[in-house]
């Protein structure tokens, strides 16, 4: 939240069947920045309505201070301070999108160039909690703060459940992990999705998806993907069994608990791009205040470079294909000299804590689409 507090929503009273409403906890509460409860659980009608598909909602803090909350097929903006819904949106067409048929959700990069206008994207999902469930390839994209906001529909190359969306410093979005059949839960998914999918939000509708590299390791229930400082991704996990099954043993579906970790190299670091990274990056300060503050970055750019961007990146917290608090901002810059190798630019900090809540972030300098090694900063 903008003040550093933590909004916690949904959950189970006992971990039992969510189709039995007495097991469920469709409420929210606020924790302090130190993780101490403020002592009140408040019923949230959107969660009540969505049962049994009410757990692991997709939640994004918007630049006006409200929360975009999505669960099942329904969504709204929610004013936490006044405990009320401020806007409701049309249901997202297609199958269920949250647990136990979770797809993935991401807030696309915020930018000073479009006045920090947020867009939320949701892809994948499924029809019911069983290993026979088909998965949904469709995606919806919505700008919740514009008048008459509506879903713009698109589709991944294939249906996926448990798919994760990871923002990349060049402004694209990586979609990875999951299954093409089944649902979340133990021993409930099959047909692993091995390929990386890359989404370019600035491309023309119908031309935004490309298929990247393929793994050979199934990444099913309880998998994760995280961006690293060097711009590669760590992909790990997959525990589709209630009790770990260690290779060479396999479960009835032919899978086991996965301990191997993979590193994925995005296209922006492939081939000669790896030699075109900005280097010798030095920030004038590592504590960034919102509002009117600025800082400088000195670095060496490759020869004949034409464009620079500075990404402020928060990886968030990941479980069950939900990347909580995940966000990225492109900050305003001045002083870039196209073609020069030695550069010093001035960077404007985020305008307020609605756009960038306080906490740890990574600054990436991106030159002609290629990021340098990121550096940790604290935003206050």
Protein backbone atom coordinates (compact mmCIF):
# COMPACT_ATOMS: atom_id res chain seq x y z
CA UNK A 1 0.00 0.00 0.00
CA UNK A 2 1.18 3.62 -0.46
CA UNK A 3 1.85 4.03 3.28
CA UNK A 4 3.83 0.80 3.53
CA UNK A 5 1.01 -1.18 5.11
CA UNK A 6 0.01 -4.56 3.68
CA UNK A 7 -3.40 -5.47 2.25
CA UNK A 8 -4.15 -9.17 2.82
CA UNK A 9 -7.20 -10.68 1.13
CA UNK A 10 -8.93 -14.06 1.02
CA UNK A 11 -7.86 -17.38 2.47
CA UNK A 12 -9.25 -20.50 4.09
CA UNK A 13 -10.27 -21.08 7.69
CA UNK A 14 -9.04 -24.67 7.66
CA UNK A 15 -7.59 -25.60 4.25
CA UNK A 16 -10.59 -27.77 3.39
CA UNK A 17 -12.97 -27.89 0.42
CA UNK A 18 -13.81 -24.32 -0.75
CA UNK A 19 -17.14 -25.48 -2.20
CA UNK A 20 -18.26 -25.77 1.45
CA UNK A 21 -18.72 -22.11 2.34
CA UNK A 22 -18.17 -22.68 6.06
CA UNK A 23 -14.52 -23.44 5.26
CA UNK A 24 -13.90 -20.10 3.57
CA UNK A 25 -12.65 -16.70 4.68
CA UNK A 26 -13.73 -14.14 2.03
CA UNK A 27 -12.37 -11.18 3.99
CA UNK A 28 -9.48 -8.74 3.97
CA UNK A 29 -7.39 -7.14 6.68
CA UNK A 30 -4.59 -4.60 6.93
CA UNK A 31 -1.18 -5.35 8.40
CA UNK A 32 1.30 -2.70 9.44
CA UNK A 33 4.56 -2.34 7.54
CA UNK A 34 6.06 -4.57 10.24
CA UNK A 35 3.48 -7.28 9.54
CA UNK A 36 1.34 -6.70 12.64
CA UNK A 37 -2.40 -7.00 12.13
CA UNK A 38 -4.55 -3.96 12.81
CA UNK A 39 -7.06 -6.38 14.28
CA UNK A 40 -10.04 -6.38 11.95
CA UNK A 41 -11.12 -8.82 9.23
CA UNK A 42 -13.64 -7.20 6.89
CA UNK A 43 -15.93 -9.09 4.54
CA UNK A 44 -15.28 -8.29 0.88
CA UNK A 45 -18.35 -8.79 -1.27
CA UNK A 46 -16.38 -9.51 -4.45
CA UNK A 47 -14.79 -12.49 -2.70
CA UNK A 48 -18.12 -13.64 -1.28
CA UNK A 49 -19.67 -13.58 -4.74
CA UNK A 50 -16.77 -15.49 -6.32
CA UNK A 51 -16.81 -18.53 -4.01
CA UNK A 52 -15.44 -21.17 -4.46
CA UNK A 53 -13.11 -19.29 -6.88
CA UNK A 54 -12.25 -16.64 -4.31
CA UNK A 55 -8.71 -17.58 -3.23
CA UNK A 56 -5.44 -16.08 -4.51
CA UNK A 57 -7.07 -13.01 -6.09
CA UNK A 58 -5.08 -10.83 -8.48
CA UNK A 59 -4.56 -7.43 -6.82
CA UNK A 60 -2.73 -4.39 -8.21
CA UNK A 61 -2.24 -0.98 -6.57
CA UNK A 62 -3.29 1.71 -9.04
CA UNK A 63 -1.84 5.23 -9.38
CA UNK A 64 -4.98 6.80 -7.88
CA UNK A 65 -4.47 4.80 -4.66
CA UNK A 66 -7.29 2.31 -5.23
CA UNK A 67 -6.78 -1.42 -5.70
CA UNK A 68 -7.71 -3.34 -8.82
CA UNK A 69 -9.04 -6.66 -7.52
CA UNK A 70 -9.82 -9.60 -9.81
CA UNK A 71 -11.17 -12.99 -8.78
CA UNK A 72 -12.89 -15.77 -10.75
CA UNK A 73 -14.10 -13.71 -13.75
CA UNK A 74 -15.04 -10.51 -11.92
CA UNK A 75 -13.14 -7.35 -11.03
CA UNK A 76 -13.47 -3.98 -9.37
CA UNK A 77 -11.50 -1.05 -8.04
CA UNK A 78 -11.59 -0.85 -4.27
CA UNK A 79 -11.03 2.13 -1.96
CA UNK A 80 -9.38 0.62 1.11
CA UNK A 81 -9.57 3.75 3.29
CA UNK A 82 -13.33 4.05 2.79
CA UNK A 83 -13.98 0.31 2.55
CA UNK A 84 -15.97 0.56 -0.66
CA UNK A 85 -16.03 -0.46 -4.30
CA UNK A 86 -15.45 2.53 -6.58
CA UNK A 87 -16.00 0.85 -9.96
CA UNK A 88 -17.10 -2.57 -11.20
CA UNK A 89 -16.09 -3.97 -14.58
CA UNK A 90 -17.68 -6.40 -17.02
CA UNK A 91 -16.78 -10.03 -16.40
CA UNK A 92 -13.73 -11.20 -18.33
CA UNK A 93 -14.96 -13.61 -21.04
CA UNK A 94 -13.67 -17.16 -20.95
CA UNK A 95 -13.03 -19.71 -18.23
CA UNK A 96 -12.19 -19.17 -14.56
CA UNK A 97 -8.95 -17.25 -14.03
CA UNK A 98 -8.09 -17.72 -10.34
CA UNK A 99 -7.42 -20.68 -8.04
CA UNK A 100 -8.00 -23.56 -8.57
CA UNK A 101 -7.94 -22.73 -12.29
CA UNK A 102 -5.47 -19.88 -12.08
CA UNK A 103 -4.09 -18.13 -15.08
CA UNK A 104 -1.66 -15.25 -14.62
CA UNK A 105 -1.96 -11.51 -14.12
CA UNK A 106 0.34 -8.53 -14.54
CA UNK A 107 0.09 -4.76 -14.46
CA UNK A 108 1.90 -3.59 -17.57
CA UNK A 109 4.79 -1.14 -17.15
CA UNK A 110 3.81 2.29 -15.87
CA UNK A 111 5.37 5.24 -17.67
CA UNK A 112 5.68 8.97 -17.21
CA UNK A 113 5.11 9.28 -20.97
CA UNK A 114 1.45 8.27 -20.63
CA UNK A 115 0.91 9.92 -17.23
CA UNK A 116 1.24 6.60 -15.38
CA UNK A 117 -1.95 5.19 -16.89
CA UNK A 118 -2.25 1.58 -15.66
CA UNK A 119 -3.24 -1.43 -17.74
CA UNK A 120 -3.85 -4.87 -16.28
CA UNK A 121 -3.55 -8.08 -18.28
CA UNK A 122 -4.89 -11.53 -17.37
CA UNK A 123 -4.25 -14.71 -19.37
CA UNK A 124 -5.05 -18.40 -19.10
CA UNK A 125 -7.24 -20.30 -16.68
CA UNK A 126 -9.47 -23.33 -16.82
CA UNK A 127 -12.97 -24.76 -16.58
CA UNK A 128 -13.02 -26.87 -13.39
CA UNK A 129 -10.74 -28.43 -10.76
CA UNK A 130 -9.88 -31.75 -12.33
CA UNK A 131 -7.06 -33.25 -14.35
CA UNK A 132 -9.42 -33.40 -17.34
CA UNK A 133 -10.08 -29.63 -17.37
CA UNK A 134 -9.19 -27.82 -20.59
CA UNK A 135 -7.15 -24.65 -20.22
CA UNK A 136 -7.97 -21.27 -21.71
CA UNK A 137 -5.64 -19.47 -24.15
CA UNK A 138 -7.55 -16.18 -24.03
CA UNK A 139 -6.27 -12.97 -22.46
CA UNK A 140 -7.97 -9.78 -21.38
CA UNK A 141 -6.35 -6.36 -21.09
CA UNK A 142 -8.04 -3.42 -19.39
CA UNK A 143 -7.20 0.17 -18.39
CA UNK A 144 -9.25 0.38 -15.18
CA UNK A 145 -8.94 4.14 -14.60
CA UNK A 146 -10.21 5.28 -18.01
CA UNK A 147 -13.93 6.01 -18.49
CA UNK A 148 -16.01 3.06 -19.70
CA UNK A 149 -13.10 0.65 -19.25
CA UNK A 150 -13.59 -2.61 -21.14
CA UNK A 151 -11.62 -5.78 -21.79
CA UNK A 152 -9.57 -5.97 -24.98
CA UNK A 153 -9.30 -9.65 -25.86
CA UNK A 154 -6.27 -11.46 -27.23
CA UNK A 155 -4.95 -15.03 -26.98
CA UNK A 156 -1.77 -16.88 -26.14
CA UNK A 157 -0.58 -19.42 -28.72
CA UNK A 158 -1.90 -22.17 -26.42
CA UNK A 159 -4.11 -22.64 -23.38
CA UNK A 160 -2.34 -22.63 -20.01
CA UNK A 161 -3.14 -22.89 -16.35
CA UNK A 162 -0.71 -21.83 -13.60
CA UNK A 163 1.05 -19.56 -16.09
CA UNK A 164 3.21 -16.79 -14.61
CA UNK A 165 3.75 -13.30 -15.99
CA UNK A 166 7.13 -11.63 -15.38
CA UNK A 167 7.86 -8.06 -16.45
CA UNK A 168 11.13 -7.62 -18.33
CA UNK A 169 13.28 -4.44 -18.32
CA UNK A 170 12.76 -3.86 -22.05
CA UNK A 171 9.00 -3.49 -21.48
CA UNK A 172 7.95 -6.92 -22.72
CA UNK A 173 6.30 -9.57 -20.55
CA UNK A 174 7.46 -13.17 -20.18
CA UNK A 175 4.78 -15.84 -19.67
CA UNK A 176 6.17 -19.15 -18.46
CA UNK A 177 5.43 -22.38 -16.57
CA UNK A 178 2.13 -24.18 -16.09
CA UNK A 179 0.14 -26.89 -17.81
CA UNK A 180 -2.04 -27.21 -20.88
CA UNK A 181 -4.51 -29.50 -19.15
CA UNK A 182 -5.82 -29.79 -15.61
CA UNK A 183 -5.91 -27.47 -12.61
CA UNK A 184 -4.09 -26.39 -9.46
CA UNK A 185 -3.87 -28.89 -6.66
CA UNK A 186 -1.97 -32.09 -6.06
CA UNK A 187 -1.85 -34.51 -9.02
CA UNK A 188 -4.36 -32.45 -10.98
CA UNK A 189 -2.37 -31.26 -14.01
CA UNK A 190 -0.76 -32.81 -17.05
CA UNK A 191 0.61 -31.75 -20.47
CA UNK A 192 3.29 -29.36 -19.14
CA UNK A 193 3.81 -26.11 -21.04
CA UNK A 194 7.53 -26.06 -21.82
CA UNK A 195 7.86 -23.01 -24.07
CA UNK A 196 8.45 -19.43 -23.01
CA UNK A 197 5.94 -16.96 -24.43
CA UNK A 198 6.87 -13.29 -24.90
CA UNK A 199 4.25 -10.54 -25.07
CA UNK A 200 5.00 -7.11 -26.52
CA UNK A 201 2.33 -4.70 -25.24
CA UNK A 202 3.25 -2.04 -27.81
CA UNK A 203 2.80 -4.26 -30.86
CA UNK A 204 -0.38 -4.34 -32.94
CA UNK A 205 -3.19 -6.48 -31.57
CA UNK A 206 -2.86 -9.94 -33.10
CA UNK A 207 0.93 -9.58 -33.43
CA UNK A 208 1.96 -9.27 -29.79
CA UNK A 209 2.95 -12.88 -29.05
CA UNK A 210 6.13 -14.74 -29.93
CA UNK A 211 7.31 -18.15 -28.77
CA UNK A 212 10.73 -18.31 -27.17
CA UNK A 213 13.00 -21.07 -25.92
CA UNK A 214 11.72 -24.40 -24.64
CA UNK A 215 12.68 -26.31 -21.50
CA UNK A 216 12.51 -30.04 -20.89
CA UNK A 217 11.56 -29.73 -17.21
CA UNK A 218 7.86 -29.72 -16.26
CA UNK A 219 6.97 -26.69 -14.12
CA UNK A 220 3.55 -27.44 -12.67
CA UNK A 221 2.00 -26.68 -9.28
CA UNK A 222 4.23 -24.56 -6.99
CA UNK A 223 6.62 -23.30 -9.67
CA UNK A 224 8.18 -19.82 -9.72
CA UNK A 225 9.95 -17.44 -12.09
CA UNK A 226 11.92 -14.36 -10.99
CA UNK A 227 13.96 -11.72 -12.80
CA UNK A 228 17.58 -11.51 -11.62
CA UNK A 229 19.88 -8.50 -11.43
CA UNK A 230 21.70 -9.45 -14.63
CA UNK A 231 18.44 -9.50 -16.64
CA UNK A 232 18.13 -13.27 -16.85
CA UNK A 233 15.37 -15.23 -15.13
CA UNK A 234 15.54 -17.92 -12.49
CA UNK A 235 12.91 -20.60 -13.07
CA UNK A 236 12.40 -23.17 -10.32
CA UNK A 237 9.98 -25.39 -8.48
CA UNK A 238 7.18 -27.79 -9.35
CA UNK A 239 5.76 -29.83 -6.53
CA UNK A 240 2.60 -31.47 -7.87
CA UNK A 241 2.53 -33.98 -5.01
CA UNK A 242 1.32 -33.48 -1.45
CA UNK A 243 4.31 -35.43 -0.19
CA UNK A 244 7.52 -34.91 -2.20
CA UNK A 245 8.31 -37.54 -4.81
CA UNK A 246 12.05 -37.67 -5.47
CA UNK A 247 13.45 -38.73 -8.85
CA UNK A 248 13.86 -41.33 -10.23
CA UNK A 249 10.47 -42.12 -8.65
CA UNK A 250 7.42 -40.54 -10.27
CA UNK A 251 3.80 -39.96 -9.27
CA UNK A 252 0.81 -41.52 -11.08
CA UNK A 253 0.96 -38.75 -13.70
CA UNK A 254 4.66 -39.36 -14.37
CA UNK A 255 6.02 -36.30 -12.52
CA UNK A 256 8.18 -35.75 -9.45
CA UNK A 257 9.13 -32.94 -7.08
CA UNK A 258 11.57 -30.76 -9.00
CA UNK A 259 14.73 -29.44 -7.35
CA UNK A 260 16.58 -28.32 -10.48
CA UNK A 261 16.87 -24.59 -11.14
CA UNK A 262 17.11 -23.15 -14.65
CA UNK A 263 18.33 -19.80 -15.96
CA UNK A 264 16.50 -18.36 -18.95
CA UNK A 265 18.25 -15.77 -21.12
CA UNK A 266 15.77 -13.42 -22.85
CA UNK A 267 16.30 -12.32 -26.46
CA UNK A 268 17.69 -8.95 -25.33
CA UNK A 269 20.81 -10.76 -24.04
CA UNK A 270 21.09 -13.36 -26.79
CA UNK A 271 23.83 -13.36 -29.42
CA UNK A 272 25.68 -10.08 -29.89
CA UNK A 273 23.23 -8.27 -27.61
CA UNK A 274 25.21 -9.61 -24.65
CA UNK A 275 28.10 -7.41 -25.80
CA UNK A 276 25.94 -4.30 -26.09
CA UNK A 277 24.98 -3.84 -22.46
CA UNK A 278 25.53 -0.52 -20.71
CA UNK A 279 28.38 -0.92 -18.21
CA UNK A 280 30.13 0.95 -15.38
CA UNK A 281 26.73 2.04 -14.05
CA UNK A 282 26.94 4.41 -11.08
CA UNK A 283 23.92 5.92 -9.30
CA UNK A 284 24.33 9.18 -7.41
CA UNK A 285 22.17 7.79 -4.60
CA UNK A 286 20.50 4.55 -3.61
CA UNK A 287 17.67 6.07 -1.55
CA UNK A 288 15.02 7.48 -3.87
CA UNK A 289 12.27 9.74 -2.58
CA UNK A 290 8.99 10.12 -4.40
CA UNK A 291 7.82 13.57 -5.40
CA UNK A 292 10.23 16.10 -6.88
CA UNK A 293 13.51 14.28 -6.23
CA UNK A 294 16.02 13.49 -8.98
CA UNK A 295 19.23 11.49 -9.18
CA UNK A 296 21.93 10.96 -11.77
CA UNK A 297 23.25 7.83 -13.42
CA UNK A 298 26.65 7.66 -15.10
CA UNK A 299 27.43 4.74 -17.39
CA UNK A 300 29.20 3.62 -20.53
CA UNK A 301 26.95 2.95 -23.51
CA UNK A 302 27.84 0.88 -26.57
CA UNK A 303 28.88 2.85 -29.63
CA UNK A 304 26.17 4.51 -31.72
CA UNK A 305 23.41 3.78 -29.20
CA UNK A 306 20.23 5.77 -29.86
CA UNK A 307 17.87 5.40 -26.89
CA UNK A 308 17.94 5.04 -23.12
CA UNK A 309 15.28 4.03 -20.63
CA UNK A 310 15.50 3.70 -16.86
CA UNK A 311 13.30 1.00 -15.36
CA UNK A 312 12.41 0.96 -11.67
CA UNK A 313 11.53 -2.65 -10.90
CA UNK A 314 9.90 -4.46 -7.97
CA UNK A 315 9.78 -8.23 -8.30
CA UNK A 316 7.14 -8.79 -5.63
CA UNK A 317 6.35 -12.07 -3.90
CA UNK A 318 5.38 -15.22 -5.76
CA UNK A 319 3.16 -18.19 -4.96
CA UNK A 320 0.53 -20.19 -6.85
CA UNK A 321 1.31 -18.28 -10.09
CA UNK A 322 0.39 -14.99 -8.34
CA UNK A 323 3.10 -12.30 -8.45
CA UNK A 324 1.98 -10.05 -5.61
CA UNK A 325 3.12 -6.39 -5.65
CA UNK A 326 4.99 -6.97 -8.93
CA UNK A 327 5.40 -3.68 -10.86
CA UNK A 328 7.75 -1.74 -13.11
CA UNK A 329 8.03 1.96 -13.94
CA UNK A 330 9.84 3.74 -16.74
CA UNK A 331 11.16 6.97 -15.21
CA UNK A 332 11.67 10.31 -16.96
CA UNK A 333 15.25 11.04 -18.04
CA UNK A 334 17.21 14.02 -19.33
CA UNK A 335 20.72 14.44 -20.69
CA UNK A 336 21.02 11.42 -22.99
CA UNK A 337 23.42 12.02 -25.90
CA UNK A 338 22.69 9.69 -28.80
CA UNK A 339 25.84 8.04 -30.15
CA UNK A 340 28.07 9.00 -27.21
CA UNK A 341 29.66 6.29 -25.10
CA UNK A 342 30.22 8.14 -21.82
CA UNK A 343 26.84 9.20 -20.47
CA UNK A 344 25.44 11.00 -17.44
CA UNK A 345 21.67 11.32 -17.29
CA UNK A 346 19.33 12.92 -14.77
CA UNK A 347 16.42 10.76 -13.67
CA UNK A 348 13.20 11.95 -12.04
CA UNK A 349 11.94 9.78 -9.19
CA UNK A 350 8.38 8.43 -9.07
CA UNK A 351 5.72 11.10 -8.50
CA UNK A 352 4.20 9.52 -5.38
CA UNK A 353 3.81 6.29 -3.42
CA UNK A 354 0.65 5.32 -5.28
CA UNK A 355 2.83 4.86 -8.35
CA UNK A 356 5.76 3.38 -6.41
CA UNK A 357 4.92 2.07 -2.92
CA UNK A 358 7.82 2.26 -0.46
CA UNK A 359 10.29 -0.59 -0.39
CA UNK A 360 13.17 -2.20 -2.27
CA UNK A 361 13.42 -1.88 -6.05
CA UNK A 362 16.00 -2.49 -8.75
CA UNK A 363 17.12 0.18 -11.23
CA UNK A 364 17.91 -1.09 -14.72
CA UNK A 365 19.54 1.14 -17.33
CA UNK A 366 18.24 -0.05 -20.70
CA UNK A 367 20.05 1.10 -23.85
CA UNK A 368 18.47 0.24 -27.21
CA UNK A 369 16.46 -2.45 -25.44
CA UNK A 370 19.44 -4.10 -23.71
CA UNK A 371 19.60 -3.80 -19.89
CA UNK A 372 22.71 -3.37 -17.83
CA UNK A 373 23.12 -5.15 -14.53
CA UNK A 374 20.53 -3.83 -12.09
CA UNK A 375 21.25 -2.10 -8.80
CA UNK A 376 19.14 -2.23 -5.65
CA UNK A 377 17.62 1.00 -4.34
CA UNK A 378 15.11 1.90 -1.63
CA UNK A 379 12.06 4.00 -2.46
CA UNK A 380 10.43 6.09 0.24
